[in-house]
Amino acid sequence: MSVKWHWAGAHWWKFDFHTHTPKSDDYGKGPDQEALKQRTPKNWLLDYMRALTVLR
């Protein structure tokens, strides 16, 4: 996919980087909520990164 760039130099994009972590009250709803809430920060981040690659 090729997109023509219409700006000279850098351009800032605004987006909402919003996510829930195992410390959030509403994280991991479902039958395996207790196991999900025990995820380490590293494992949570790796799970999140894997989910983003699926969405691409």
PDB file of N, CA and C in Angstrom:
ATOM      1  N   MET A   1       0.841  -1.171   0.000  1.00  0.00           N
ATOM      2  CA  MET A   1       0.000   0.000   0.000  1.00  0.00           C
ATOM      3  C   MET A   1       0.893   1.243   0.000  1.00  0.00           C
ATOM      4  N   SER A   2       0.641   2.131  -0.902  1.00  0.00           N
ATOM      5  CA  SER A   2       1.433   3.347  -1.009  1.00  0.00           C
ATOM      6  C   SER A   2       0.531   4.554  -0.750  1.00  0.00           C
ATOM      7  N   VAL A   3       0.974   5.417   0.151  1.00  0.00           N
ATOM      8  CA  VAL A   3       0.206   6.615   0.484  1.00  0.00           C
ATOM      9  C   VAL A   3       1.060   7.825   0.186  1.00  0.00           C
ATOM     10  N   LYS A   4       0.516   8.785  -0.553  1.00  0.00           N
ATOM     11  CA  LYS A   4       1.268   9.998  -0.856  1.00  0.00           C
ATOM     12  C   LYS A   4       1.313  10.879   0.388  1.00  0.00           C
ATOM     13  N   TRP A   5       2.493  11.335   0.752  1.00  0.00           N
ATOM     14  CA  TRP A   5       2.705  12.163   1.933  1.00  0.00           C
ATOM     15  C   TRP A   5       2.563  13.620   1.511  1.00  0.00           C
ATOM     16  N   HIS A   6       1.604  14.338   2.102  1.00  0.00           N
ATOM     17  CA  HIS A   6       1.308  15.708   1.705  1.00  0.00           C
ATOM     18  C   HIS A   6       1.940  16.757   2.618  1.00  0.00           C
ATOM     19  N   TRP A   7       2.801  16.365   3.519  1.00  0.00           N
ATOM     20  CA  TRP A   7       3.392  17.300   4.467  1.00  0.00           C
ATOM     21  C   TRP A   7       4.911  17.304   4.334  1.00  0.00           C
ATOM     22  N   ALA A   8       5.472  18.497   4.427  1.00  0.00           N
ATOM     23  CA  ALA A   8       6.933  18.597   4.447  1.00  0.00           C
ATOM     24  C   ALA A   8       7.395  18.395   5.882  1.00  0.00           C
ATOM     25  N   GLY A   9       8.338  17.527   6.106  1.00  0.00           N
ATOM     26  CA  GLY A   9       8.849  17.295   7.456  1.00  0.00           C
ATOM     27  C   GLY A   9       7.946  16.390   8.273  1.00  0.00           C
ATOM     28  N   ALA A  10       8.078  16.515   9.581  1.00  0.00           N
ATOM     29  CA  ALA A  10       7.334  15.652  10.503  1.00  0.00           C
ATOM     30  C   ALA A  10       5.879  16.117  10.630  1.00  0.00           C
ATOM     31  N   HIS A  11       5.037  15.224  11.034  1.00  0.00           N
ATOM     32  CA  HIS A  11       3.626  15.537  11.282  1.00  0.00           C
ATOM     33  C   HIS A  11       3.195  14.801  12.543  1.00  0.00           C
ATOM     34  N   TRP A  12       2.502  15.471  13.434  1.00  0.00           N
ATOM     35  CA  TRP A  12       2.022  14.862  14.663  1.00  0.00           C
ATOM     36  C   TRP A  12       0.619  14.337  14.457  1.00  0.00           C
ATOM     37  N   TRP A  13       0.364  13.126  14.937  1.00  0.00           N
ATOM     38  CA  TRP A  13      -0.953  12.509  14.854  1.00  0.00           C
ATOM     39  C   TRP A  13      -1.512  12.383  16.259  1.00  0.00           C
ATOM     40  N   LYS A  14      -2.766  12.680  16.426  1.00  0.00           N
ATOM     41  CA  LYS A  14      -3.416  12.564  17.725  1.00  0.00           C
ATOM     42  C   LYS A  14      -4.192  11.247  17.749  1.00  0.00           C
ATOM     43  N   PHE A  15      -4.022  10.488  18.824  1.00  0.00           N
ATOM     44  CA  PHE A  15      -4.764   9.243  18.971  1.00  0.00           C
ATOM     45  C   PHE A  15      -4.937   8.951  20.451  1.00  0.00           C
ATOM     46  N   ASP A  16      -5.845   8.074  20.743  1.00  0.00           N
ATOM     47  CA  ASP A  16      -6.135   7.700  22.124  1.00  0.00           C
ATOM     48  C   ASP A  16      -5.524   6.332  22.385  1.00  0.00           C
ATOM     49  N   PHE A  17      -4.409   6.311  23.095  1.00  0.00           N
ATOM     50  CA  PHE A  17      -3.764   5.052  23.463  1.00  0.00           C
ATOM     51  C   PHE A  17      -4.352   4.637  24.804  1.00  0.00           C
ATOM     52  N   HIS A  18      -5.463   3.945  24.735  1.00  0.00           N
ATOM     53  CA  HIS A  18      -6.208   3.596  25.937  1.00  0.00           C
ATOM     54  C   HIS A  18      -6.261   2.076  26.058  1.00  0.00           C
ATOM     55  N   THR A  19      -5.890   1.592  27.209  1.00  0.00           N
ATOM     56  CA  THR A  19      -5.946   0.153  27.442  1.00  0.00           C
ATOM     57  C   THR A  19      -6.201  -0.116  28.919  1.00  0.00           C
ATOM     58  N   HIS A  20      -6.574  -1.303  29.227  1.00  0.00           N
ATOM     59  CA  HIS A  20      -6.789  -1.715  30.610  1.00  0.00           C
ATOM     60  C   HIS A  20      -5.728  -2.742  30.977  1.00  0.00           C
ATOM     61  N   THR A  21      -5.228  -2.643  32.192  1.00  0.00           N
ATOM     62  CA  THR A  21      -4.195  -3.552  32.673  1.00  0.00           C
ATOM     63  C   THR A  21      -4.786  -4.472  33.738  1.00  0.00           C
ATOM     64  N   PRO A  22      -4.040  -5.484  34.162  1.00  0.00           N
ATOM     65  CA  PRO A  22      -4.538  -6.362  35.228  1.00  0.00           C
ATOM     66  C   PRO A  22      -4.873  -5.617  36.524  1.00  0.00           C
ATOM     67  N   LYS A  23      -4.355  -4.416  36.727  1.00  0.00           N
ATOM     68  CA  LYS A  23      -4.686  -3.635  37.918  1.00  0.00           C
ATOM     69  C   LYS A  23      -6.004  -2.880  37.776  1.00  0.00           C
ATOM     70  N   SER A  24      -6.566  -2.821  36.563  1.00  0.00           N
ATOM     71  CA  SER A  24      -7.852  -2.154  36.342  1.00  0.00           C
ATOM     72  C   SER A  24      -8.975  -3.017  36.904  1.00  0.00           C
ATOM     73  N   ASP A  25      -9.973  -2.376  37.490  1.00  0.00           N
ATOM     74  CA  ASP A  25     -11.115  -3.118  38.045  1.00  0.00           C
ATOM     75  C   ASP A  25     -11.870  -3.906  36.990  1.00  0.00           C
ATOM     76  N   ASP A  26     -11.914  -3.391  35.781  1.00  0.00           N
ATOM     77  CA  ASP A  26     -12.699  -4.036  34.728  1.00  0.00           C
ATOM     78  C   ASP A  26     -11.853  -4.845  33.743  1.00  0.00           C
ATOM     79  N   TYR A  27     -10.672  -5.252  34.147  1.00  0.00           N
ATOM     80  CA  TYR A  27      -9.800  -6.042  33.271  1.00  0.00           C
ATOM     81  C   TYR A  27     -10.138  -7.528  33.372  1.00  0.00           C
ATOM     82  N   GLY A  28     -10.139  -8.206  32.244  1.00  0.00           N
ATOM     83  CA  GLY A  28     -10.270  -9.654  32.227  1.00  0.00           C
ATOM     84  C   GLY A  28     -11.619 -10.188  32.631  1.00  0.00           C
ATOM     85  N   LYS A  29     -12.685  -9.513  32.229  1.00  0.00           N
ATOM     86  CA  LYS A  29     -14.025 -10.010  32.553  1.00  0.00           C
ATOM     87  C   LYS A  29     -14.224 -11.368  31.893  1.00  0.00           C
ATOM     88  N   GLY A  30     -14.847 -12.263  32.595  1.00  0.00           N
ATOM     89  CA  GLY A  30     -15.117 -13.580  32.046  1.00  0.00           C
ATOM     90  C   GLY A  30     -14.745 -14.672  33.019  1.00  0.00           C
ATOM     91  N   PRO A  31     -14.872 -15.925  32.593  1.00  0.00           N
ATOM     92  CA  PRO A  31     -14.645 -17.052  33.493  1.00  0.00           C
ATOM     93  C   PRO A  31     -13.204 -17.189  33.989  1.00  0.00           C
ATOM     94  N   ASP A  32     -12.232 -16.665  33.242  1.00  0.00           N
ATOM     95  CA  ASP A  32     -10.830 -16.789  33.657  1.00  0.00           C
ATOM     96  C   ASP A  32     -10.271 -15.459  34.175  1.00  0.00           C
ATOM     97  N   GLN A  33     -11.137 -14.619  34.749  1.00  0.00           N
ATOM     98  CA  GLN A  33     -10.737 -13.298  35.226  1.00  0.00           C
ATOM     99  C   GLN A  33      -9.633 -13.375  36.280  1.00  0.00           C
ATOM    100  N   GLU A  34      -9.731 -14.284  37.219  1.00  0.00           N
ATOM    101  CA  GLU A  34      -8.708 -14.383  38.269  1.00  0.00           C
ATOM    102  C   GLU A  34      -7.331 -14.702  37.688  1.00  0.00           C
ATOM    103  N   ALA A  35      -7.280 -15.599  36.731  1.00  0.00           N
ATOM    104  CA  ALA A  35      -5.992 -15.934  36.101  1.00  0.00           C
ATOM    105  C   ALA A  35      -5.445 -14.742  35.319  1.00  0.00           C
ATOM    106  N   LEU A  36      -6.308 -14.029  34.612  1.00  0.00           N
ATOM    107  CA  LEU A  36      -5.860 -12.872  33.836  1.00  0.00           C
ATOM    108  C   LEU A  36      -5.342 -11.756  34.742  1.00  0.00           C
ATOM    109  N   LYS A  37      -5.971 -11.568  35.887  1.00  0.00           N
ATOM    110  CA  LYS A  37      -5.544 -10.509  36.802  1.00  0.00           C
ATOM    111  C   LYS A  37      -4.191 -10.819  37.457  1.00  0.00           C
ATOM    112  N   GLN A  38      -3.716 -12.042  37.332  1.00  0.00           N
ATOM    113  CA  GLN A  38      -2.416 -12.425  37.889  1.00  0.00           C
ATOM    114  C   GLN A  38      -1.276 -12.288  36.875  1.00  0.00           C
ATOM    115  N   ARG A  39      -1.578 -11.807  35.665  1.00  0.00           N
ATOM    116  CA  ARG A  39      -0.548 -11.657  34.629  1.00  0.00           C
ATOM    117  C   ARG A  39       0.529 -10.677  35.094  1.00  0.00           C
ATOM    118  N   THR A  40       1.776 -10.979  34.764  1.00  0.00           N
ATOM    119  CA  THR A  40       2.873 -10.055  35.074  1.00  0.00           C
ATOM    120  C   THR A  40       2.834  -8.906  34.060  1.00  0.00           C
ATOM    121  N   PRO A  41       3.436  -7.761  34.400  1.00  0.00           N
ATOM    122  CA  PRO A  41       3.472  -6.662  33.423  1.00  0.00           C
ATOM    123  C   PRO A  41       4.086  -7.085  32.084  1.00  0.00           C
ATOM    124  N   LYS A  42       5.144  -7.883  32.127  1.00  0.00           N
ATOM    125  CA  LYS A  42       5.780  -8.339  30.894  1.00  0.00           C
ATOM    126  C   LYS A  42       4.829  -9.198  30.071  1.00  0.00           C
ATOM    127  N   ASN A  43       4.156 -10.153  30.718  1.00  0.00           N
ATOM    128  CA  ASN A  43       3.234 -11.024  29.985  1.00  0.00           C
ATOM    129  C   ASN A  43       2.031 -10.259  29.465  1.00  0.00           C
ATOM    130  N   TRP A  44       1.547  -9.276  30.254  1.00  0.00           N
ATOM    131  CA  TRP A  44       0.441  -8.439  29.790  1.00  0.00           C
ATOM    132  C   TRP A  44       0.845  -7.699  28.522  1.00  0.00           C
ATOM    133  N   LEU A  45       2.054  -7.100  28.528  1.00  0.00           N
ATOM    134  CA  LEU A  45       2.523  -6.353  27.366  1.00  0.00           C
ATOM    135  C   LEU A  45       2.681  -7.262  26.154  1.00  0.00           C
ATOM    136  N   LEU A  46       3.235  -8.439  26.336  1.00  0.00           N
ATOM    137  CA  LEU A  46       3.377  -9.380  25.216  1.00  0.00           C
ATOM    138  C   LEU A  46       2.016  -9.799  24.669  1.00  0.00           C
ATOM    139  N   ASP A  47       1.045 -10.037  25.547  1.00  0.00           N
ATOM    140  CA  ASP A  47      -0.318 -10.356  25.097  1.00  0.00           C
ATOM    141  C   ASP A  47      -0.897  -9.205  24.274  1.00  0.00           C
ATOM    142  N   TYR A  48      -0.703  -7.974  24.767  1.00  0.00           N
ATOM    143  CA  TYR A  48      -1.217  -6.787  24.095  1.00  0.00           C
ATOM    144  C   TYR A  48      -0.567  -6.633  22.721  1.00  0.00           C
ATOM    145  N   MET A  49       0.737  -6.846  22.646  1.00  0.00           N
ATOM    146  CA  MET A  49       1.449  -6.739  21.368  1.00  0.00           C
ATOM    147  C   MET A  49       0.966  -7.799  20.379  1.00  0.00           C
ATOM    148  N   ARG A  50       0.721  -9.006  20.865  1.00  0.00           N
ATOM    149  CA  ARG A  50       0.204 -10.069  19.991  1.00  0.00           C
ATOM    150  C   ARG A  50      -1.187  -9.696  19.481  1.00  0.00           C
ATOM    151  N   ALA A  51      -2.021  -9.139  20.323  1.00  0.00           N
ATOM    152  CA  ALA A  51      -3.372  -8.752  19.915  1.00  0.00           C
ATOM    153  C   ALA A  51      -3.329  -7.654  18.842  1.00  0.00           C
ATOM    154  N   LEU A  52      -2.380  -6.727  18.958  1.00  0.00           N
ATOM    155  CA  LEU A  52      -2.271  -5.664  17.966  1.00  0.00           C
ATOM    156  C   LEU A  52      -1.841  -6.204  16.611  1.00  0.00           C
ATOM    157  N   THR A  53      -0.985  -7.211  16.593  1.00  0.00           N
ATOM    158  CA  THR A  53      -0.548  -7.752  15.304  1.00  0.00           C
ATOM    159  C   THR A  53      -1.695  -8.484  14.622  1.00  0.00           C
ATOM    160  N   VAL A  54      -2.619  -9.034  15.390  1.00  0.00           N
ATOM    161  CA  VAL A  54      -3.792  -9.701  14.812  1.00  0.00           C
ATOM    162  C   VAL A  54      -4.721  -8.675  14.186  1.00  0.00           C
ATOM    163  N   LEU A  55      -4.803  -7.489  14.758  1.00  0.00           N
ATOM    164  CA  LEU A  55      -5.697  -6.444  14.256  1.00  0.00           C
ATOM    165  C   LEU A  55      -5.191  -5.785  12.980  1.00  0.00           C
ATOM    166  N   ARG A  56      -3.922  -5.918  12.680  1.00  0.00           N
ATOM    167  CA  ARG A  56      -3.364  -5.268  11.488  1.00  0.00           C
ATOM    168  C   ARG A  56      -3.921  -5.803  10.236  1.00  0.00           C
TER     169      ARG A  56
END
